[in-house]
Amino acid sequence: MRSIRPAALLALLGALAAPLAGCGAGAGSAPAGPRLTVTQDFGSRHQRELTAPKVSGQETVMRLLERNAKVATRFGGGFVQSIDGVAAGRRDGRPIDWFYYVNGVEASAGAAAVRLHAGDRIWWDRHDWGAAMRVPAVVGSFPEPFLHGVGGNRLPVRVECADPAAPACDEVFKALAAQDVPAAKGGLRTAQVEEALRVVVGPWTAARGETALRRIEDGPARSGVYARPTTDGRRIRLLDATGRVTRTLGPGTGLIVAAREGADPPVWAVTGTDSAGVQAAAGAFGARVLRNRFAVAIAGGRAVPLPEAPAR
């Protein structure tokens, strides 16, 4: 049986859920402090950024978008076809669609079925999905999901470090504290917390112990991440939007990514090929570098948005 691509599946879910989402929507007080971002090509092209969008009542993600942009929909209003005249379709023979993320987590239902919560950062991006049908989690809404959680549920936050005494561990912990995110700090997989948002800090050889992160080695089709560390952690291959390798980086390379296994909370990694790479990634761990990025590599002291733009 031929599989249904996620965009189509979300459309069907949204179409089925739209009538239910409309029942009673608009009643009650509007959620406070949402943000709305619209970009293209994995965040590389800015289209719209609203820090105080129009919002009313018990808003859904779809209604928030429709109040603040010109939107064309399909499948009963559950699937976005175009935003401000920029449409889904094909480009150079490759599939392009609109996808959305709530606090850096890819949606599992149509936008008409997902309610907006206070503080949510809604991010719509139109991108090529030929190499990765899903991108389960991204880093570009930092400090989310650590500040307001997932699905309206604020979760405990843990910084788990290969070496809790390393400067990189402290730097990541302080970066979260600077965003008013309370976090615990400790070694890798030492806590007995059932559900938490975790930031793994350490070289790739340690970070890959997490199942969700280890899938990154298999490429974007499995993880949604456009970088492929080698099993020994000594090299990191950067990929473009088609999944092709643009370059292979060695010592001193850092990487900041988010990955997700099934319905579990996303796991972030501040990692690298070695201690210098991990320190470089820790130094970049913040909103200034991560804003509107799906993932970021650090090469030669410079941040490289992923997927990487092909050389011209």
C-alpha atoms as a PDB file:
ATOM      1  CA  MET A   1       0.000   0.000   0.000  1.00  0.00           C
ATOM      2  CA  ARG A   2       1.332   3.425  -0.934  1.00  0.00           C
ATOM      3  CA  SER A   3       1.884   5.566   2.178  1.00  0.00           C
ATOM      4  CA  ILE A   4       0.087   8.877   2.651  1.00  0.00           C
ATOM      5  CA  ARG A   5       2.444  11.838   2.952  1.00  0.00           C
ATOM      6  CA  PRO A   6       2.178  13.722   6.274  1.00  0.00           C
ATOM      7  CA  ALA A   7       0.857  16.909   4.691  1.00  0.00           C
ATOM      8  CA  ALA A   8      -2.071  14.992   3.240  1.00  0.00           C
ATOM      9  CA  LEU A   9      -2.625  13.096   6.476  1.00  0.00           C
ATOM     10  CA  LEU A  10      -2.702  16.325   8.474  1.00  0.00           C
ATOM     11  CA  ALA A  11      -5.124  17.717   5.949  1.00  0.00           C
ATOM     12  CA  LEU A  12      -7.517  14.819   6.428  1.00  0.00           C
ATOM     13  CA  LEU A  13      -7.232  15.024  10.197  1.00  0.00           C
ATOM     14  CA  GLY A  14      -7.837  18.753  10.048  1.00  0.00           C
ATOM     15  CA  ALA A  15     -10.836  18.320   7.779  1.00  0.00           C
ATOM     16  CA  LEU A  16     -12.410  15.842  10.164  1.00  0.00           C
ATOM     17  CA  ALA A  17     -11.610  17.918  13.222  1.00  0.00           C
ATOM     18  CA  ALA A  18     -12.513  21.337  11.843  1.00  0.00           C
ATOM     19  CA  PRO A  19     -16.237  21.129  12.612  1.00  0.00           C
ATOM     20  CA  LEU A  20     -15.475  20.038  16.165  1.00  0.00           C
ATOM     21  CA  ALA A  21     -12.889  22.762  16.594  1.00  0.00           C
ATOM     22  CA  GLY A  22     -15.447  25.340  15.589  1.00  0.00           C
ATOM     23  CA  CYS A  23     -17.961  24.302  18.220  1.00  0.00           C
ATOM     24  CA  GLY A  24     -17.676  26.752  21.058  1.00  0.00           C
ATOM     25  CA  ALA A  25     -14.494  28.324  19.671  1.00  0.00           C
ATOM     26  CA  GLY A  26     -14.307  31.996  20.450  1.00  0.00           C
ATOM     27  CA  ALA A  27     -15.860  31.665  23.910  1.00  0.00           C
ATOM     28  CA  GLY A  28     -13.821  32.556  26.958  1.00  0.00           C
ATOM     29  CA  SER A  29     -10.775  34.768  27.306  1.00  0.00           C
ATOM     30  CA  ALA A  30      -8.113  34.929  24.622  1.00  0.00           C
ATOM     31  CA  PRO A  31      -4.799  33.194  25.382  1.00  0.00           C
ATOM     32  CA  ALA A  32      -2.161  35.734  26.344  1.00  0.00           C
ATOM     33  CA  GLY A  33       1.159  36.358  24.671  1.00  0.00           C
ATOM     34  CA  PRO A  34       1.119  34.151  21.542  1.00  0.00           C
ATOM     35  CA  ARG A  35       3.574  34.796  18.708  1.00  0.00           C
ATOM     36  CA  LEU A  36       3.157  34.084  15.027  1.00  0.00           C
ATOM     37  CA  THR A  37       6.011  33.495  12.594  1.00  0.00           C
ATOM     38  CA  VAL A  38       5.730  32.720   8.877  1.00  0.00           C
ATOM     39  CA  THR A  39       8.838  31.775   6.890  1.00  0.00           C
ATOM     40  CA  GLN A  40       9.929  29.811   3.858  1.00  0.00           C
ATOM     41  CA  ASP A  41      12.702  27.314   3.107  1.00  0.00           C
ATOM     42  CA  PHE A  42      13.407  26.102   6.631  1.00  0.00           C
ATOM     43  CA  GLY A  43      13.308  29.579   8.132  1.00  0.00           C
ATOM     44  CA  SER A  44      15.812  31.106   5.713  1.00  0.00           C
ATOM     45  CA  ARG A  45      13.265  33.449   4.095  1.00  0.00           C
ATOM     46  CA  HIS A  46      11.263  35.703   6.393  1.00  0.00           C
ATOM     47  CA  GLN A  47       7.644  36.344   5.461  1.00  0.00           C
ATOM     48  CA  ARG A  48       5.805  37.543   8.566  1.00  0.00           C
ATOM     49  CA  GLU A  49       6.676  37.937  12.260  1.00  0.00           C
ATOM     50  CA  LEU A  50       4.111  39.128  14.788  1.00  0.00           C
ATOM     51  CA  THR A  51       5.001  39.391  18.456  1.00  0.00           C
ATOM     52  CA  ALA A  52       1.466  40.558  19.297  1.00  0.00           C
ATOM     53  CA  PRO A  53      -0.890  38.996  16.708  1.00  0.00           C
ATOM     54  CA  LYS A  54      -4.640  39.550  16.758  1.00  0.00           C
ATOM     55  CA  VAL A  55      -6.264  36.900  18.935  1.00  0.00           C
ATOM     56  CA  SER A  56      -9.777  36.313  20.196  1.00  0.00           C
ATOM     57  CA  GLY A  57     -11.434  33.860  22.544  1.00  0.00           C
ATOM     58  CA  GLN A  58     -10.455  30.208  22.684  1.00  0.00           C
ATOM     59  CA  GLU A  59      -8.379  30.431  19.537  1.00  0.00           C
ATOM     60  CA  THR A  60      -7.146  27.602  17.325  1.00  0.00           C
ATOM     61  CA  VAL A  61      -3.881  27.677  15.425  1.00  0.00           C
ATOM     62  CA  MET A  62      -5.795  28.007  12.162  1.00  0.00           C
ATOM     63  CA  ARG A  63      -7.943  30.897  13.368  1.00  0.00           C
ATOM     64  CA  LEU A  64      -4.881  32.715  14.662  1.00  0.00           C
ATOM     65  CA  LEU A  65      -3.324  32.469  11.209  1.00  0.00           C
ATOM     66  CA  GLU A  66      -6.507  33.540   9.425  1.00  0.00           C
ATOM     67  CA  ARG A  67      -6.887  36.600  11.685  1.00  0.00           C
ATOM     68  CA  ASN A  68      -3.376  37.755  10.883  1.00  0.00           C
ATOM     69  CA  ALA A  69      -2.676  36.740   7.275  1.00  0.00           C
ATOM     70  CA  LYS A  70      -4.423  36.087   3.990  1.00  0.00           C
ATOM     71  CA  VAL A  71      -4.960  32.335   3.920  1.00  0.00           C
ATOM     72  CA  ALA A  72      -6.311  29.901   1.344  1.00  0.00           C
ATOM     73  CA  THR A  73      -7.270  26.439   2.620  1.00  0.00           C
ATOM     74  CA  ARG A  74      -8.281  23.032   1.305  1.00  0.00           C
ATOM     75  CA  PHE A  75      -9.980  19.911   2.671  1.00  0.00           C
ATOM     76  CA  GLY A  76     -12.734  21.731   4.533  1.00  0.00           C
ATOM     77  CA  GLY A  77     -10.435  24.373   5.979  1.00  0.00           C
ATOM     78  CA  GLY A  78      -8.036  21.983   7.703  1.00  0.00           C
ATOM     79  CA  PHE A  79      -5.089  22.294   5.342  1.00  0.00           C
ATOM     80  CA  VAL A  80      -3.267  25.506   4.411  1.00  0.00           C
ATOM     81  CA  GLN A  81      -2.731  25.866   0.676  1.00  0.00           C
ATOM     82  CA  SER A  82      -1.275  29.389   0.680  1.00  0.00           C
ATOM     83  CA  ILE A  83      -0.320  32.209   3.052  1.00  0.00           C
ATOM     84  CA  ASP A  84      -0.284  35.765   1.724  1.00  0.00           C
ATOM     85  CA  GLY A  85      -0.403  34.375  -1.801  1.00  0.00           C
ATOM     86  CA  VAL A  86       2.569  32.011  -1.371  1.00  0.00           C
ATOM     87  CA  ALA A  87       1.240  28.577  -2.289  1.00  0.00           C
ATOM     88  CA  ALA A  88       2.186  24.966  -1.735  1.00  0.00           C
ATOM     89  CA  GLY A  89       2.844  22.785  -4.741  1.00  0.00           C
ATOM     90  CA  ARG A  90       6.062  21.872  -6.539  1.00  0.00           C
ATOM     91  CA  ARG A  91       9.293  23.714  -7.248  1.00  0.00           C
ATOM     92  CA  ASP A  92      11.880  22.360  -9.667  1.00  0.00           C
ATOM     93  CA  GLY A  93       9.931  19.116  -9.605  1.00  0.00           C
ATOM     94  CA  ARG A  94      10.126  18.761  -5.818  1.00  0.00           C
ATOM     95  CA  PRO A  95       7.203  18.865  -3.346  1.00  0.00           C
ATOM     96  CA  ILE A  96       6.699  22.055  -1.320  1.00  0.00           C
ATOM     97  CA  ASP A  97       4.112  22.395   1.457  1.00  0.00           C
ATOM     98  CA  TRP A  98       3.227  24.488   4.485  1.00  0.00           C
ATOM     99  CA  PHE A  99       3.994  22.906   7.870  1.00  0.00           C
ATOM    100  CA  TYR A 100       3.498  24.357  11.328  1.00  0.00           C
ATOM    101  CA  TYR A 101       5.152  23.990  14.712  1.00  0.00           C
ATOM    102  CA  VAL A 102       3.837  24.852  18.151  1.00  0.00           C
ATOM    103  CA  ASN A 103       6.659  25.730  20.531  1.00  0.00           C
ATOM    104  CA  GLY A 104       9.102  23.979  18.222  1.00  0.00           C
ATOM    105  CA  VAL A 105       7.143  20.724  17.961  1.00  0.00           C
ATOM    106  CA  GLU A 106       5.617  19.594  14.679  1.00  0.00           C
ATOM    107  CA  ALA A 107       1.841  19.288  14.862  1.00  0.00           C
ATOM    108  CA  SER A 108       0.181  15.871  14.872  1.00  0.00           C
ATOM    109  CA  ALA A 109      -3.237  17.192  13.792  1.00  0.00           C
ATOM    110  CA  GLY A 110      -4.688  19.791  11.465  1.00  0.00           C
ATOM    111  CA  ALA A 111      -4.387  23.418  12.516  1.00  0.00           C
ATOM    112  CA  ALA A 112      -8.165  23.774  12.894  1.00  0.00           C
ATOM    113  CA  ALA A 113      -8.098  21.109  15.610  1.00  0.00           C
ATOM    114  CA  VAL A 114      -5.236  22.476  17.725  1.00  0.00           C
ATOM    115  CA  ARG A 115      -6.060  25.028  20.394  1.00  0.00           C
ATOM    116  CA  LEU A 116      -3.794  27.944  21.186  1.00  0.00           C
ATOM    117  CA  HIS A 117      -2.421  28.228  24.718  1.00  0.00           C
ATOM    118  CA  ALA A 118      -0.937  31.205  26.521  1.00  0.00           C
ATOM    119  CA  GLY A 119       2.580  31.971  25.365  1.00  0.00           C
ATOM    120  CA  ASP A 120       2.537  29.595  22.402  1.00  0.00           C
ATOM    121  CA  ARG A 121       4.916  30.330  19.549  1.00  0.00           C
ATOM    122  CA  ILE A 122       3.269  29.309  16.289  1.00  0.00           C
ATOM    123  CA  TRP A 123       5.623  28.910  13.366  1.00  0.00           C
ATOM    124  CA  TRP A 124       4.508  28.205   9.793  1.00  0.00           C
ATOM    125  CA  ASP A 125       7.181  27.314   7.266  1.00  0.00           C
ATOM    126  CA  ARG A 126       6.862  26.362   3.615  1.00  0.00           C
ATOM    127  CA  HIS A 127       9.599  23.939   2.628  1.00  0.00           C
ATOM    128  CA  ASP A 128      10.726  21.022   0.513  1.00  0.00           C
ATOM    129  CA  TRP A 129       9.722  17.731   2.137  1.00  0.00           C
ATOM    130  CA  GLY A 130      11.203  15.388  -0.449  1.00  0.00           C
ATOM    131  CA  ALA A 131      14.096  14.324   1.830  1.00  0.00           C
ATOM    132  CA  ALA A 132      12.181  14.407   5.118  1.00  0.00           C
ATOM    133  CA  MET A 133       8.437  13.880   5.193  1.00  0.00           C
ATOM    134  CA  ARG A 134       8.463  14.909   8.840  1.00  0.00           C
ATOM    135  CA  VAL A 135      10.592  17.214  10.988  1.00  0.00           C
ATOM    136  CA  PRO A 136       9.305  16.289  14.460  1.00  0.00           C
ATOM    137  CA  ALA A 137      11.125  19.026  16.398  1.00  0.00           C
ATOM    138  CA  VAL A 138      13.094  22.204  15.660  1.00  0.00           C
ATOM    139  CA  VAL A 139      15.245  24.586  17.705  1.00  0.00           C
ATOM    140  CA  GLY A 140      14.099  27.881  16.180  1.00  0.00           C
ATOM    141  CA  SER A 141      11.382  28.741  18.713  1.00  0.00           C
ATOM    142  CA  PHE A 142      13.813  28.872  21.656  1.00  0.00           C
ATOM    143  CA  PRO A 143      13.206  29.345  24.582  1.00  0.00           C
ATOM    144  CA  GLU A 144      10.280  27.125  23.683  1.00  0.00           C
ATOM    145  CA  PRO A 145       9.292  24.443  24.440  1.00  0.00           C
ATOM    146  CA  PHE A 146      11.135  24.879  27.736  1.00  0.00           C
ATOM    147  CA  LEU A 147       9.213  27.993  28.793  1.00  0.00           C
ATOM    148  CA  HIS A 148       5.588  27.052  28.031  1.00  0.00           C
ATOM    149  CA  GLY A 149       5.809  23.332  27.344  1.00  0.00           C
ATOM    150  CA  VAL A 150       4.034  21.082  24.888  1.00  0.00           C
ATOM    151  CA  GLY A 151       0.280  21.093  24.277  1.00  0.00           C
ATOM    152  CA  GLY A 152      -0.281  23.569  27.073  1.00  0.00           C
ATOM    153  CA  ASN A 153       1.564  21.367  29.581  1.00  0.00           C
ATOM    154  CA  ARG A 154       4.720  22.799  31.078  1.00  0.00           C
ATOM    155  CA  LEU A 155       7.171  19.961  31.710  1.00  0.00           C
ATOM    156  CA  PRO A 156      10.184  19.664  34.014  1.00  0.00           C
ATOM    157  CA  VAL A 157      13.422  20.643  32.280  1.00  0.00           C
ATOM    158  CA  ARG A 158      16.710  18.816  32.785  1.00  0.00           C
ATOM    159  CA  VAL A 159      20.163  19.629  31.495  1.00  0.00           C
ATOM    160  CA  GLU A 160      21.913  16.253  31.281  1.00  0.00           C
ATOM    161  CA  CYS A 161      25.644  16.436  30.748  1.00  0.00           C
ATOM    162  CA  ALA A 162      28.320  13.898  29.880  1.00  0.00           C
ATOM    163  CA  ASP A 163      30.479  15.928  32.274  1.00  0.00           C
ATOM    164  CA  PRO A 164      28.354  17.995  34.710  1.00  0.00           C
ATOM    165  CA  ALA A 165      31.475  19.928  35.746  1.00  0.00           C
ATOM    166  CA  ALA A 166      32.326  21.040  32.205  1.00  0.00           C
ATOM    167  CA  PRO A 167      31.964  24.741  31.314  1.00  0.00           C
ATOM    168  CA  ALA A 168      29.617  23.821  28.458  1.00  0.00           C
ATOM    169  CA  CYS A 169      27.182  22.256  30.918  1.00  0.00           C
ATOM    170  CA  ASP A 170      27.102  25.422  33.035  1.00  0.00           C
ATOM    171  CA  GLU A 171      26.721  27.612  29.945  1.00  0.00           C
ATOM    172  CA  VAL A 172      23.625  25.758  28.730  1.00  0.00           C
ATOM    173  CA  PHE A 173      22.131  25.767  32.237  1.00  0.00           C
ATOM    174  CA  LYS A 174      22.688  29.532  32.556  1.00  0.00           C
ATOM    175  CA  ALA A 175      21.213  30.186  29.108  1.00  0.00           C
ATOM    176  CA  LEU A 176      17.965  28.540  30.213  1.00  0.00           C
ATOM    177  CA  ALA A 177      17.980  30.419  33.522  1.00  0.00           C
ATOM    178  CA  ALA A 178      18.374  33.690  31.606  1.00  0.00           C
ATOM    179  CA  GLN A 179      15.060  32.878  29.890  1.00  0.00           C
ATOM    180  CA  ASP A 180      13.352  32.254  33.267  1.00  0.00           C
ATOM    181  CA  VAL A 181      13.340  28.503  32.656  1.00  0.00           C
ATOM    182  CA  PRO A 182      13.828  26.564  35.891  1.00  0.00           C
ATOM    183  CA  ALA A 183      15.953  23.498  35.195  1.00  0.00           C
ATOM    184  CA  ALA A 184      17.727  20.722  37.022  1.00  0.00           C
ATOM    185  CA  LYS A 185      21.256  19.713  36.110  1.00  0.00           C
ATOM    186  CA  GLY A 186      22.968  16.363  36.319  1.00  0.00           C
ATOM    187  CA  GLY A 187      24.578  13.472  34.494  1.00  0.00           C
ATOM    188  CA  LEU A 188      23.195  11.582  31.526  1.00  0.00           C
ATOM    189  CA  ARG A 189      20.079   9.510  32.261  1.00  0.00           C
ATOM    190  CA  THR A 190      20.470   9.818  36.031  1.00  0.00           C
ATOM    191  CA  ALA A 191      16.992  11.168  36.868  1.00  0.00           C
ATOM    192  CA  GLN A 192      13.858   9.144  37.483  1.00  0.00           C
ATOM    193  CA  VAL A 193      11.490  11.665  35.913  1.00  0.00           C
ATOM    194  CA  GLU A 194       8.792  10.044  33.779  1.00  0.00           C
ATOM    195  CA  GLU A 195       8.247  12.935  31.381  1.00  0.00           C
ATOM    196  CA  ALA A 196      10.596  15.860  30.972  1.00  0.00           C
ATOM    197  CA  LEU A 197      12.192  18.107  28.404  1.00  0.00           C
ATOM    198  CA  ARG A 198      15.873  17.246  28.303  1.00  0.00           C
ATOM    199  CA  VAL A 199      18.917  18.999  26.876  1.00  0.00           C
ATOM    200  CA  VAL A 200      21.795  16.561  26.401  1.00  0.00           C
ATOM    201  CA  VAL A 201      25.192  18.277  26.556  1.00  0.00           C
ATOM    202  CA  GLY A 202      28.260  16.342  25.491  1.00  0.00           C
ATOM    203  CA  PRO A 203      30.163  14.895  22.533  1.00  0.00           C
ATOM    204  CA  TRP A 204      28.200  12.936  19.965  1.00  0.00           C
ATOM    205  CA  THR A 205      29.572   9.628  21.274  1.00  0.00           C
ATOM    206  CA  ALA A 206      27.654  10.340  24.498  1.00  0.00           C
ATOM    207  CA  ALA A 207      24.589  12.037  22.978  1.00  0.00           C
ATOM    208  CA  ARG A 208      23.887   9.138  20.617  1.00  0.00           C
ATOM    209  CA  GLY A 209      22.927   7.035  23.629  1.00  0.00           C
ATOM    210  CA  GLU A 210      19.492   8.624  23.281  1.00  0.00           C
ATOM    211  CA  THR A 211      17.366   6.689  20.782  1.00  0.00           C
ATOM    212  CA  ALA A 212      15.774   9.815  19.323  1.00  0.00           C
ATOM    213  CA  LEU A 213      19.184  11.400  18.775  1.00  0.00           C
ATOM    214  CA  ARG A 214      20.838   8.253  17.423  1.00  0.00           C
ATOM    215  CA  ARG A 215      18.334   8.237  14.544  1.00  0.00           C
ATOM    216  CA  ILE A 216      20.014  11.407  13.256  1.00  0.00           C
ATOM    217  CA  GLU A 217      22.848   9.208  11.991  1.00  0.00           C
ATOM    218  CA  ASP A 218      20.363   7.600   9.581  1.00  0.00           C
ATOM    219  CA  GLY A 219      19.571  10.867   7.811  1.00  0.00           C
ATOM    220  CA  PRO A 220      16.630  13.277   7.607  1.00  0.00           C
ATOM    221  CA  ALA A 221      14.161  10.672   6.370  1.00  0.00           C
ATOM    222  CA  ARG A 222      14.372   9.028   9.802  1.00  0.00           C
ATOM    223  CA  SER A 223      15.000  12.018  12.084  1.00  0.00           C
ATOM    224  CA  GLY A 224      14.056  15.207  10.228  1.00  0.00           C
ATOM    225  CA  VAL A 225      17.543  16.580  10.966  1.00  0.00           C
ATOM    226  CA  TYR A 226      19.727  17.704   8.053  1.00  0.00           C
ATOM    227  CA  ALA A 227      23.047  16.632   9.554  1.00  0.00           C
ATOM    228  CA  ARG A 228      24.573  13.167   9.889  1.00  0.00           C
ATOM    229  CA  PRO A 229      27.218  12.569  12.549  1.00  0.00           C
ATOM    230  CA  THR A 230      29.343   9.495  12.048  1.00  0.00           C
ATOM    231  CA  THR A 231      28.972   6.684  14.568  1.00  0.00           C
ATOM    232  CA  ASP A 232      32.397   7.423  16.059  1.00  0.00           C
ATOM    233  CA  GLY A 233      31.407  11.097  16.407  1.00  0.00           C
ATOM    234  CA  ARG A 234      34.555  12.409  14.749  1.00  0.00           C
ATOM    235  CA  ARG A 235      32.827  13.945  11.740  1.00  0.00           C
ATOM    236  CA  ILE A 236      29.499  15.597  11.002  1.00  0.00           C
ATOM    237  CA  ARG A 237      28.121  15.702   7.472  1.00  0.00           C
ATOM    238  CA  LEU A 238      25.976  18.748   6.704  1.00  0.00           C
ATOM    239  CA  LEU A 239      23.088  18.286   4.263  1.00  0.00           C
ATOM    240  CA  ASP A 240      21.083  20.528   1.961  1.00  0.00           C
ATOM    241  CA  ALA A 241      17.291  20.488   1.599  1.00  0.00           C
ATOM    242  CA  THR A 242      17.444  17.569  -0.845  1.00  0.00           C
ATOM    243  CA  GLY A 243      19.413  15.466   1.636  1.00  0.00           C
ATOM    244  CA  ARG A 244      22.698  15.740  -0.265  1.00  0.00           C
ATOM    245  CA  VAL A 245      25.951  16.191   1.642  1.00  0.00           C
ATOM    246  CA  THR A 246      27.280  19.732   1.273  1.00  0.00           C
ATOM    247  CA  ARG A 247      30.438  19.206   3.324  1.00  0.00           C
ATOM    248  CA  THR A 248      31.952  17.038   6.040  1.00  0.00           C
ATOM    249  CA  LEU A 249      33.339  18.733   9.149  1.00  0.00           C
ATOM    250  CA  GLY A 250      35.802  17.378  11.678  1.00  0.00           C
ATOM    251  CA  PRO A 251      37.397  18.511  14.975  1.00  0.00           C
ATOM    252  CA  GLY A 252      35.864  21.513  16.695  1.00  0.00           C
ATOM    253  CA  THR A 253      32.459  21.163  15.036  1.00  0.00           C
ATOM    254  CA  GLY A 254      29.372  21.825  17.160  1.00  0.00           C
ATOM    255  CA  LEU A 255      25.742  20.894  16.605  1.00  0.00           C
ATOM    256  CA  ILE A 256      22.466  22.025  18.181  1.00  0.00           C
ATOM    257  CA  VAL A 257      19.470  19.879  17.244  1.00  0.00           C
ATOM    258  CA  ALA A 258      16.123  18.660  18.533  1.00  0.00           C
ATOM    259  CA  ALA A 259      14.735  15.196  17.870  1.00  0.00           C
ATOM    260  CA  ARG A 260      11.653  13.300  18.911  1.00  0.00           C
ATOM    261  CA  GLU A 261      10.748   9.640  19.305  1.00  0.00           C
ATOM    262  CA  GLY A 262       7.050   9.012  18.680  1.00  0.00           C
ATOM    263  CA  ALA A 263       4.848  11.039  21.015  1.00  0.00           C
ATOM    264  CA  ASP A 264       7.597  11.552  23.608  1.00  0.00           C
ATOM    265  CA  PRO A 265       8.738  15.082  24.456  1.00  0.00           C
ATOM    266  CA  PRO A 266      11.535  16.298  22.196  1.00  0.00           C
ATOM    267  CA  VAL A 267      15.142  15.779  23.238  1.00  0.00           C
ATOM    268  CA  TRP A 268      17.624  18.537  22.447  1.00  0.00           C
ATOM    269  CA  ALA A 269      21.342  18.011  21.976  1.00  0.00           C
ATOM    270  CA  VAL A 270      24.128  20.540  22.426  1.00  0.00           C
ATOM    271  CA  THR A 271      26.841  18.361  21.034  1.00  0.00           C
ATOM    272  CA  GLY A 272      29.869  18.150  18.785  1.00  0.00           C
ATOM    273  CA  THR A 273      32.734  16.090  17.487  1.00  0.00           C
ATOM    274  CA  ASP A 274      34.830  16.746  20.600  1.00  0.00           C
ATOM    275  CA  SER A 275      34.977  18.951  23.705  1.00  0.00           C
ATOM    276  CA  ALA A 276      35.840  22.006  21.610  1.00  0.00           C
ATOM    277  CA  GLY A 277      32.807  21.371  19.412  1.00  0.00           C
ATOM    278  CA  VAL A 278      30.537  20.935  22.425  1.00  0.00           C
ATOM    279  CA  GLN A 279      31.835  24.209  23.907  1.00  0.00           C
ATOM    280  CA  ALA A 280      31.226  25.985  20.586  1.00  0.00           C
ATOM    281  CA  ALA A 281      27.656  24.680  20.521  1.00  0.00           C
ATOM    282  CA  ALA A 282      27.077  25.716  24.139  1.00  0.00           C
ATOM    283  CA  GLY A 283      28.278  29.221  23.318  1.00  0.00           C
ATOM    284  CA  ALA A 284      25.675  29.414  20.539  1.00  0.00           C
ATOM    285  CA  PHE A 285      22.819  28.070  22.652  1.00  0.00           C
ATOM    286  CA  GLY A 286      20.450  31.033  22.726  1.00  0.00           C
ATOM    287  CA  ALA A 287      17.714  32.869  20.859  1.00  0.00           C
ATOM    288  CA  ARG A 288      20.085  35.074  18.873  1.00  0.00           C
ATOM    289  CA  VAL A 289      21.626  32.123  17.003  1.00  0.00           C
ATOM    290  CA  LEU A 290      18.713  29.682  17.050  1.00  0.00           C
ATOM    291  CA  ARG A 291      15.894  32.024  16.024  1.00  0.00           C
ATOM    292  CA  ASN A 292      13.882  30.562  13.124  1.00  0.00           C
ATOM    293  CA  ARG A 293      16.373  27.739  12.550  1.00  0.00           C
ATOM    294  CA  PHE A 294      15.505  24.074  12.221  1.00  0.00           C
ATOM    295  CA  ALA A 295      18.962  23.067  13.490  1.00  0.00           C
ATOM    296  CA  VAL A 296      22.382  24.727  13.668  1.00  0.00           C
ATOM    297  CA  ALA A 297      25.947  23.524  13.181  1.00  0.00           C
ATOM    298  CA  ILE A 298      28.927  25.514  14.458  1.00  0.00           C
ATOM    299  CA  ALA A 299      31.886  25.469  12.079  1.00  0.00           C
ATOM    300  CA  GLY A 300      34.969  27.617  12.483  1.00  0.00           C
ATOM    301  CA  GLY A 301      33.202  29.707  15.096  1.00  0.00           C
ATOM    302  CA  ARG A 302      30.289  30.484  12.776  1.00  0.00           C
ATOM    303  CA  ALA A 303      26.697  29.265  12.970  1.00  0.00           C
ATOM    304  CA  VAL A 304      25.519  27.305   9.918  1.00  0.00           C
ATOM    305  CA  PRO A 305      21.726  26.979   9.554  1.00  0.00           C
ATOM    306  CA  LEU A 306      20.550  23.488   8.619  1.00  0.00           C
ATOM    307  CA  PRO A 307      19.700  22.356   6.045  1.00  0.00           C
ATOM    308  CA  GLU A 308      22.648  24.155   4.522  1.00  0.00           C
ATOM    309  CA  ALA A 309      22.089  26.269   1.448  1.00  0.00           C
ATOM    310  CA  PRO A 310      23.882  24.722  -1.545  1.00  0.00           C
ATOM    311  CA  ALA A 311      27.072  26.438  -2.678  1.00  0.00           C
ATOM    312  CA  ARG A 312      26.652  28.856  -5.585  1.00  0.00           C
END
